[in-house]
Each structure stands twice: as structure tokens, then as C-alpha cells.
Amino acid sequence: EVDSILCRRREGEHEASRRLKNEFFSSFDSIVGNDDQRVLLIAATNRPQELDDAAIRRFTKKLLVPMPDKDTRRSVL
């Protein structure tokens, strides 16, 4: 899940985590800025409130998939 690497930045965050986020954002921006390539990046999370604002801004489409109701869960099982 994307929140494991793109969670909100916090005071005292490990330098390696901060560098990983910065590298992701830099790579993401260079892919999106290249008109010769069409790239579809799909990310999933159960905790959207934990995502870094910079990550949220970079995803142009957001899709909420709600929890299934009781009858649907039962039919799946």
C-alpha cells in the first residue's frame, strides 16, 4: 500500500524515508512531464488521511471504493 512509503512527513522522520519520498516525487514528476510516454500509475491505501499532501496532489484521479455491505460480504464468502 502506498501509505507505507508516502505517509505524511513528520518531525524526527528517518532520513532514508525522506529521501525515498523525494526520489519518488522526482521520478513521478519526470514521467508525468514526458509527453512521449503514457504511464498509468495506480496506488492503493486503506488510510488516505495518512498520505503526504505532495503525494495526493500528484494523483490526478482519486477513486473511493467503499466497504461492501453485509449482504455483499456474505455473498463473496
PDB file of N, CA and C in Angstrom:
ATOM      1  N   GLU A   1       0.836  -1.176   0.000  1.00  0.00           N
ATOM      2  CA  GLU A   1       0.000   0.000   0.000  1.00  0.00           C
ATOM      3  C   GLU A   1       0.882   1.240   0.000  1.00  0.00           C
ATOM      4  N   VAL A   2       0.437   2.234  -0.727  1.00  0.00           N
ATOM      5  CA  VAL A   2       1.260   3.416  -0.956  1.00  0.00           C
ATOM      6  C   VAL A   2       1.528   4.212   0.325  1.00  0.00           C
ATOM      7  N   ASP A   3       0.664   4.119   1.305  1.00  0.00           N
ATOM      8  CA  ASP A   3       0.892   4.882   2.543  1.00  0.00           C
ATOM      9  C   ASP A   3       2.128   4.415   3.298  1.00  0.00           C
ATOM     10  N   SER A   4       2.621   3.220   2.986  1.00  0.00           N
ATOM     11  CA  SER A   4       3.828   2.745   3.671  1.00  0.00           C
ATOM     12  C   SER A   4       5.071   3.524   3.254  1.00  0.00           C
ATOM     13  N   ILE A   5       5.068   4.093   2.043  1.00  0.00           N
ATOM     14  CA  ILE A   5       6.230   4.890   1.615  1.00  0.00           C
ATOM     15  C   ILE A   5       5.909   6.369   1.427  1.00  0.00           C
ATOM     16  N   LEU A   6       4.635   6.715   1.262  1.00  0.00           N
ATOM     17  CA  LEU A   6       4.283   8.112   1.015  1.00  0.00           C
ATOM     18  C   LEU A   6       3.429   8.704   2.136  1.00  0.00           C
ATOM     19  N   CYS A   7       3.715   8.297   3.379  1.00  0.00           N
ATOM     20  CA  CYS A   7       2.982   8.855   4.511  1.00  0.00           C
ATOM     21  C   CYS A   7       3.427  10.302   4.751  1.00  0.00           C
ATOM     22  N   ARG A   8       2.632  11.001   5.543  1.00  0.00           N
ATOM     23  CA  ARG A   8       2.952  12.394   5.866  1.00  0.00           C
ATOM     24  C   ARG A   8       4.326  12.510   6.496  1.00  0.00           C
ATOM     25  N   ARG A   9       4.999  13.594   6.149  1.00  0.00           N
ATOM     26  CA  ARG A   9       6.307  13.854   6.759  1.00  0.00           C
ATOM     27  C   ARG A   9       6.107  14.326   8.191  1.00  0.00           C
ATOM     28  N   ARG A  10       6.936  13.809   9.059  1.00  0.00           N
ATOM     29  CA  ARG A  10       6.823  14.147  10.482  1.00  0.00           C
ATOM     30  C   ARG A  10       8.186  14.556  11.027  1.00  0.00           C
ATOM     31  N   GLU A  11       8.137  15.319  12.087  1.00  0.00           N
ATOM     32  CA  GLU A  11       9.366  15.699  12.785  1.00  0.00           C
ATOM     33  C   GLU A  11      10.051  14.433  13.270  1.00  0.00           C
ATOM     34  N   GLY A  12      11.334  14.346  13.064  1.00  0.00           N
ATOM     35  CA  GLY A  12      12.086  13.186  13.509  1.00  0.00           C
ATOM     36  C   GLY A  12      12.022  11.999  12.565  1.00  0.00           C
ATOM     37  N   GLU A  13      11.450  12.215  11.381  1.00  0.00           N
ATOM     38  CA  GLU A  13      11.374  11.135  10.398  1.00  0.00           C
ATOM     39  C   GLU A  13      12.782  10.723   9.975  1.00  0.00           C
ATOM     40  N   HIS A  14      12.986   9.447   9.766  1.00  0.00           N
ATOM     41  CA  HIS A  14      14.297   8.937   9.370  1.00  0.00           C
ATOM     42  C   HIS A  14      14.691   9.526   8.013  1.00  0.00           C
ATOM     43  N   GLU A  15      15.953   9.882   7.869  1.00  0.00           N
ATOM     44  CA  GLU A  15      16.460  10.495   6.641  1.00  0.00           C
ATOM     45  C   GLU A  15      16.230   9.601   5.423  1.00  0.00           C
ATOM     46  N   ALA A  16      16.345   8.300   5.589  1.00  0.00           N
ATOM     47  CA  ALA A  16      16.134   7.379   4.461  1.00  0.00           C
ATOM     48  C   ALA A  16      14.697   7.460   3.948  1.00  0.00           C
ATOM     49  N   SER A  17      13.738   7.602   4.845  1.00  0.00           N
ATOM     50  CA  SER A  17      12.332   7.735   4.443  1.00  0.00           C
ATOM     51  C   SER A  17      12.106   9.028   3.679  1.00  0.00           C
ATOM     52  N   ARG A  18      12.708  10.088   4.158  1.00  0.00           N
ATOM     53  CA  ARG A  18      12.573  11.385   3.491  1.00  0.00           C
ATOM     54  C   ARG A  18      13.187  11.335   2.089  1.00  0.00           C
ATOM     55  N   ARG A  19      14.334  10.703   1.967  1.00  0.00           N
ATOM     56  CA  ARG A  19      14.986  10.589   0.657  1.00  0.00           C
ATOM     57  C   ARG A  19      14.167   9.737  -0.306  1.00  0.00           C
ATOM     58  N   LEU A  20      13.580   8.665   0.203  1.00  0.00           N
ATOM     59  CA  LEU A  20      12.750   7.800  -0.630  1.00  0.00           C
ATOM     60  C   LEU A  20      11.565   8.574  -1.200  1.00  0.00           C
ATOM     61  N   LYS A  21      10.908   9.358  -0.365  1.00  0.00           N
ATOM     62  CA  LYS A  21       9.784  10.179  -0.833  1.00  0.00           C
ATOM     63  C   LYS A  21      10.237  11.172  -1.885  1.00  0.00           C
ATOM     64  N   ASN A  22      11.328  11.864  -1.617  1.00  0.00           N
ATOM     65  CA  ASN A  22      11.824  12.850  -2.574  1.00  0.00           C
ATOM     66  C   ASN A  22      12.183  12.203  -3.907  1.00  0.00           C
ATOM     67  N   GLU A  23      12.781  11.033  -3.863  1.00  0.00           N
ATOM     68  CA  GLU A  23      13.131  10.316  -5.097  1.00  0.00           C
ATOM     69  C   GLU A  23      11.871   9.902  -5.851  1.00  0.00           C
ATOM     70  N   PHE A  24      10.870   9.421  -5.140  1.00  0.00           N
ATOM     71  CA  PHE A  24       9.605   9.054  -5.775  1.00  0.00           C
ATOM     72  C   PHE A  24       8.990  10.268  -6.460  1.00  0.00           C
ATOM     73  N   PHE A  25       8.903  11.389  -5.739  1.00  0.00           N
ATOM     74  CA  PHE A  25       8.294  12.587  -6.308  1.00  0.00           C
ATOM     75  C   PHE A  25       9.060  13.070  -7.533  1.00  0.00           C
ATOM     76  N   SER A  26      10.369  13.055  -7.467  1.00  0.00           N
ATOM     77  CA  SER A  26      11.194  13.476  -8.597  1.00  0.00           C
ATOM     78  C   SER A  26      10.976  12.562  -9.801  1.00  0.00           C
ATOM     79  N   SER A  27      10.977  11.267  -9.573  1.00  0.00           N
ATOM     80  CA  SER A  27      10.756  10.307 -10.659  1.00  0.00           C
ATOM     81  C   SER A  27       9.348  10.440 -11.221  1.00  0.00           C
ATOM     82  N   PHE A  28       8.382  10.589 -10.350  1.00  0.00           N
ATOM     83  CA  PHE A  28       6.990  10.746 -10.771  1.00  0.00           C
ATOM     84  C   PHE A  28       6.843  11.980 -11.653  1.00  0.00           C
ATOM     85  N   ASP A  29       7.421  13.090 -11.229  1.00  0.00           N
ATOM     86  CA  ASP A  29       7.322  14.333 -11.995  1.00  0.00           C
ATOM     87  C   ASP A  29       7.983  14.213 -13.361  1.00  0.00           C
ATOM     88  N   SER A  30       9.096  13.499 -13.458  1.00  0.00           N
ATOM     89  CA  SER A  30       9.769  13.365 -14.755  1.00  0.00           C
ATOM     90  C   SER A  30       8.973  12.465 -15.696  1.00  0.00           C
ATOM     91  N   ILE A  31       8.288  11.465 -15.170  1.00  0.00           N
ATOM     92  CA  ILE A  31       7.453  10.604 -16.014  1.00  0.00           C
ATOM     93  C   ILE A  31       6.240  11.373 -16.516  1.00  0.00           C
ATOM     94  N   VAL A  32       5.571  12.080 -15.629  1.00  0.00           N
ATOM     95  CA  VAL A  32       4.371  12.828 -15.995  1.00  0.00           C
ATOM     96  C   VAL A  32       4.706  13.938 -16.981  1.00  0.00           C
ATOM     97  N   GLY A  33       5.878  14.522 -16.866  1.00  0.00           N
ATOM     98  CA  GLY A  33       6.280  15.605 -17.747  1.00  0.00           C
ATOM     99  C   GLY A  33       6.735  15.153 -19.122  1.00  0.00           C
ATOM    100  N   ASN A  34       6.833  13.857 -19.363  1.00  0.00           N
ATOM    101  CA  ASN A  34       7.301  13.320 -20.639  1.00  0.00           C
ATOM    102  C   ASN A  34       6.098  12.979 -21.505  1.00  0.00           C
ATOM    103  N   ASP A  35       5.848  13.805 -22.546  1.00  0.00           N
ATOM    104  CA  ASP A  35       4.690  13.601 -23.413  1.00  0.00           C
ATOM    105  C   ASP A  35       4.842  12.407 -24.341  1.00  0.00           C
ATOM    106  N   ASP A  36       6.051  11.863 -24.477  1.00  0.00           N
ATOM    107  CA  ASP A  36       6.275  10.715 -25.352  1.00  0.00           C
ATOM    108  C   ASP A  36       5.792   9.409 -24.734  1.00  0.00           C
ATOM    109  N   GLN A  37       5.565   9.397 -23.451  1.00  0.00           N
ATOM    110  CA  GLN A  37       5.169   8.171 -22.762  1.00  0.00           C
ATOM    111  C   GLN A  37       3.806   8.357 -22.109  1.00  0.00           C
ATOM    112  N   ARG A  38       3.044   7.296 -22.136  1.00  0.00           N
ATOM    113  CA  ARG A  38       1.773   7.293 -21.404  1.00  0.00           C
ATOM    114  C   ARG A  38       1.919   6.278 -20.280  1.00  0.00           C
ATOM    115  N   VAL A  39       1.856   6.756 -19.074  1.00  0.00           N
ATOM    116  CA  VAL A  39       2.068   5.903 -17.909  1.00  0.00           C
ATOM    117  C   VAL A  39       0.829   5.963 -17.022  1.00  0.00           C
ATOM    118  N   LEU A  40       0.383   4.799 -16.602  1.00  0.00           N
ATOM    119  CA  LEU A  40      -0.723   4.706 -15.660  1.00  0.00           C
ATOM    120  C   LEU A  40      -0.159   4.192 -14.341  1.00  0.00           C
ATOM    121  N   LEU A  41      -0.260   5.000 -13.324  1.00  0.00           N
ATOM    122  CA  LEU A  41       0.227   4.617 -12.002  1.00  0.00           C
ATOM    123  C   LEU A  41      -0.976   4.472 -11.079  1.00  0.00           C
ATOM    124  N   ILE A  42      -1.131   3.293 -10.530  1.00  0.00           N
ATOM    125  CA  ILE A  42      -2.246   3.025  -9.625  1.00  0.00           C
ATOM    126  C   ILE A  42      -1.677   2.771  -8.232  1.00  0.00           C
ATOM    127  N   ALA A  43      -2.251   3.442  -7.265  1.00  0.00           N
ATOM    128  CA  ALA A  43      -1.825   3.271  -5.876  1.00  0.00           C
ATOM    129  C   ALA A  43      -3.055   2.970  -5.030  1.00  0.00           C
ATOM    130  N   ALA A  44      -2.860   2.190  -4.001  1.00  0.00           N
ATOM    131  CA  ALA A  44      -3.974   1.836  -3.118  1.00  0.00           C
ATOM    132  C   ALA A  44      -3.580   2.060  -1.666  1.00  0.00           C
ATOM    133  N   THR A  45      -4.577   2.440  -0.875  1.00  0.00           N
ATOM    134  CA  THR A  45      -4.357   2.622   0.554  1.00  0.00           C
ATOM    135  C   THR A  45      -5.661   2.428   1.309  1.00  0.00           C
ATOM    136  N   ASN A  46      -5.554   1.968   2.521  1.00  0.00           N
ATOM    137  CA  ASN A  46      -6.703   1.922   3.424  1.00  0.00           C
ATOM    138  C   ASN A  46      -6.722   3.151   4.324  1.00  0.00           C
ATOM    139  N   ARG A  47      -5.653   3.953   4.246  1.00  0.00           N
ATOM    140  CA  ARG A  47      -5.520   5.114   5.127  1.00  0.00           C
ATOM    141  C   ARG A  47      -5.175   6.370   4.326  1.00  0.00           C
ATOM    142  N   PRO A  48      -6.105   6.886   3.516  1.00  0.00           N
ATOM    143  CA  PRO A  48      -5.795   8.065   2.699  1.00  0.00           C
ATOM    144  C   PRO A  48      -5.434   9.294   3.528  1.00  0.00           C
ATOM    145  N   GLN A  49      -5.937   9.369   4.753  1.00  0.00           N
ATOM    146  CA  GLN A  49      -5.641  10.512   5.620  1.00  0.00           C
ATOM    147  C   GLN A  49      -4.175  10.538   6.039  1.00  0.00           C
ATOM    148  N   GLU A  50      -3.461   9.430   5.877  1.00  0.00           N
ATOM    149  CA  GLU A  50      -2.050   9.345   6.250  1.00  0.00           C
ATOM    150  C   GLU A  50      -1.107   9.771   5.123  1.00  0.00           C
ATOM    151  N   LEU A  51      -1.635   9.966   3.909  1.00  0.00           N
ATOM    152  CA  LEU A  51      -0.770  10.287   2.770  1.00  0.00           C
ATOM    153  C   LEU A  51      -0.233  11.707   2.846  1.00  0.00           C
ATOM    154  N   ASP A  52       0.976  11.876   2.367  1.00  0.00           N
ATOM    155  CA  ASP A  52       1.614  13.186   2.282  1.00  0.00           C
ATOM    156  C   ASP A  52       0.839  14.042   1.274  1.00  0.00           C
ATOM    157  N   ASP A  53       0.640  15.312   1.590  1.00  0.00           N
ATOM    158  CA  ASP A  53      -0.089  16.210   0.694  1.00  0.00           C
ATOM    159  C   ASP A  53       0.548  16.280  -0.690  1.00  0.00           C
ATOM    160  N   ALA A  54       1.864  16.214  -0.751  1.00  0.00           N
ATOM    161  CA  ALA A  54       2.560  16.251  -2.045  1.00  0.00           C
ATOM    162  C   ALA A  54       2.207  15.025  -2.886  1.00  0.00           C
ATOM    163  N   ALA A  55       1.997  13.902  -2.254  1.00  0.00           N
ATOM    164  CA  ALA A  55       1.601  12.685  -2.975  1.00  0.00           C
ATOM    165  C   ALA A  55       0.177  12.830  -3.493  1.00  0.00           C
ATOM    166  N   ILE A  56      -0.708  13.309  -2.659  1.00  0.00           N
ATOM    167  CA  ILE A  56      -2.114  13.468  -3.052  1.00  0.00           C
ATOM    168  C   ILE A  56      -2.234  14.403  -4.246  1.00  0.00           C
ATOM    169  N   ARG A  57      -1.483  15.494  -4.257  1.00  0.00           N
ATOM    170  CA  ARG A  57      -1.535  16.448  -5.370  1.00  0.00           C
ATOM    171  C   ARG A  57      -1.107  15.820  -6.689  1.00  0.00           C
ATOM    172  N   ARG A  58      -0.212  14.875  -6.659  1.00  0.00           N
ATOM    173  CA  ARG A  58       0.331  14.284  -7.882  1.00  0.00           C
ATOM    174  C   ARG A  58      -0.618  13.289  -8.549  1.00  0.00           C
ATOM    175  N   PHE A  59      -1.542  12.740  -7.811  1.00  0.00           N
ATOM    176  CA  PHE A  59      -2.511  11.815  -8.395  1.00  0.00           C
ATOM    177  C   PHE A  59      -3.723  12.619  -8.861  1.00  0.00           C
ATOM    178  N   THR A  60      -3.934  12.646 -10.181  1.00  0.00           N
ATOM    179  CA  THR A  60      -4.998  13.487 -10.732  1.00  0.00           C
ATOM    180  C   THR A  60      -6.384  12.891 -10.539  1.00  0.00           C
ATOM    181  N   LYS A  61      -6.481  11.592 -10.488  1.00  0.00           N
ATOM    182  CA  LYS A  61      -7.774  10.923 -10.288  1.00  0.00           C
ATOM    183  C   LYS A  61      -7.735  10.164  -8.970  1.00  0.00           C
ATOM    184  N   LYS A  62      -8.809  10.285  -8.227  1.00  0.00           N
ATOM    185  CA  LYS A  62      -8.926   9.564  -6.961  1.00  0.00           C
ATOM    186  C   LYS A  62     -10.257   8.827  -6.972  1.00  0.00           C
ATOM    187  N   LEU A  63     -10.226   7.570  -6.594  1.00  0.00           N
ATOM    188  CA  LEU A  63     -11.417   6.735  -6.606  1.00  0.00           C
ATOM    189  C   LEU A  63     -11.596   6.103  -5.235  1.00  0.00           C
ATOM    190  N   LEU A  64     -12.730   6.361  -4.629  1.00  0.00           N
ATOM    191  CA  LEU A  64     -13.040   5.764  -3.335  1.00  0.00           C
ATOM    192  C   LEU A  64     -13.827   4.480  -3.573  1.00  0.00           C
ATOM    193  N   VAL A  65     -13.332   3.392  -3.053  1.00  0.00           N
ATOM    194  CA  VAL A  65     -14.032   2.108  -3.125  1.00  0.00           C
ATOM    195  C   VAL A  65     -14.515   1.806  -1.709  1.00  0.00           C
ATOM    196  N   PRO A  66     -15.805   2.008  -1.461  1.00  0.00           N
ATOM    197  CA  PRO A  66     -16.303   1.819  -0.096  1.00  0.00           C
ATOM    198  C   PRO A  66     -16.337   0.348   0.300  1.00  0.00           C
ATOM    199  N   MET A  67     -16.418   0.129   1.589  1.00  0.00           N
ATOM    200  CA  MET A  67     -16.555  -1.229   2.106  1.00  0.00           C
ATOM    201  C   MET A  67     -17.884  -1.803   1.617  1.00  0.00           C
ATOM    202  N   PRO A  68     -17.904  -3.075   1.261  1.00  0.00           N
ATOM    203  CA  PRO A  68     -19.172  -3.685   0.839  1.00  0.00           C
ATOM    204  C   PRO A  68     -20.121  -3.830   2.031  1.00  0.00           C
ATOM    205  N   ASP A  69     -21.409  -3.827   1.720  1.00  0.00           N
ATOM    206  CA  ASP A  69     -22.379  -4.000   2.799  1.00  0.00           C
ATOM    207  C   ASP A  69     -22.397  -5.460   3.269  1.00  0.00           C
ATOM    208  N   LYS A  70     -23.168  -5.717   4.297  1.00  0.00           N
ATOM    209  CA  LYS A  70     -23.176  -7.038   4.926  1.00  0.00           C
ATOM    210  C   LYS A  70     -23.568  -8.143   3.944  1.00  0.00           C
ATOM    211  N   ASP A  71     -24.603  -7.912   3.141  1.00  0.00           N
ATOM    212  CA  ASP A  71     -25.052  -8.936   2.189  1.00  0.00           C
ATOM    213  C   ASP A  71     -23.992  -9.222   1.130  1.00  0.00           C
ATOM    214  N   THR A  72     -23.328  -8.194   0.659  1.00  0.00           N
ATOM    215  CA  THR A  72     -22.279  -8.380  -0.347  1.00  0.00           C
ATOM    216  C   THR A  72     -21.106  -9.150   0.237  1.00  0.00           C
ATOM    217  N   ARG A  73     -20.706  -8.813   1.449  1.00  0.00           N
ATOM    218  CA  ARG A  73     -19.614  -9.552   2.096  1.00  0.00           C
ATOM    219  C   ARG A  73     -19.971 -11.025   2.247  1.00  0.00           C
ATOM    220  N   ARG A  74     -21.198 -11.279   2.631  1.00  0.00           N
ATOM    221  CA  ARG A  74     -21.654 -12.658   2.806  1.00  0.00           C
ATOM    222  C   ARG A  74     -21.620 -13.407   1.468  1.00  0.00           C
ATOM    223  N   SER A  75     -22.054 -12.761   0.385  1.00  0.00           N
ATOM    224  CA  SER A  75     -22.075 -13.431  -0.923  1.00  0.00           C
ATOM    225  C   SER A  75     -20.665 -13.705  -1.439  1.00  0.00           C
ATOM    226  N   VAL A  76     -19.717 -12.847  -1.097  1.00  0.00           N
ATOM    227  CA  VAL A  76     -18.329 -13.061  -1.510  1.00  0.00           C
ATOM    228  C   VAL A  76     -17.745 -14.269  -0.794  1.00  0.00           C
ATOM    229  N   LEU A  77     -18.072 -14.393   0.474  1.00  0.00           N
ATOM    230  CA  LEU A  77     -17.550 -15.515   1.257  1.00  0.00           C
ATOM    231  C   LEU A  77     -18.279 -16.794   0.928  1.00  0.00           C
TER     232      LEU A  77
END
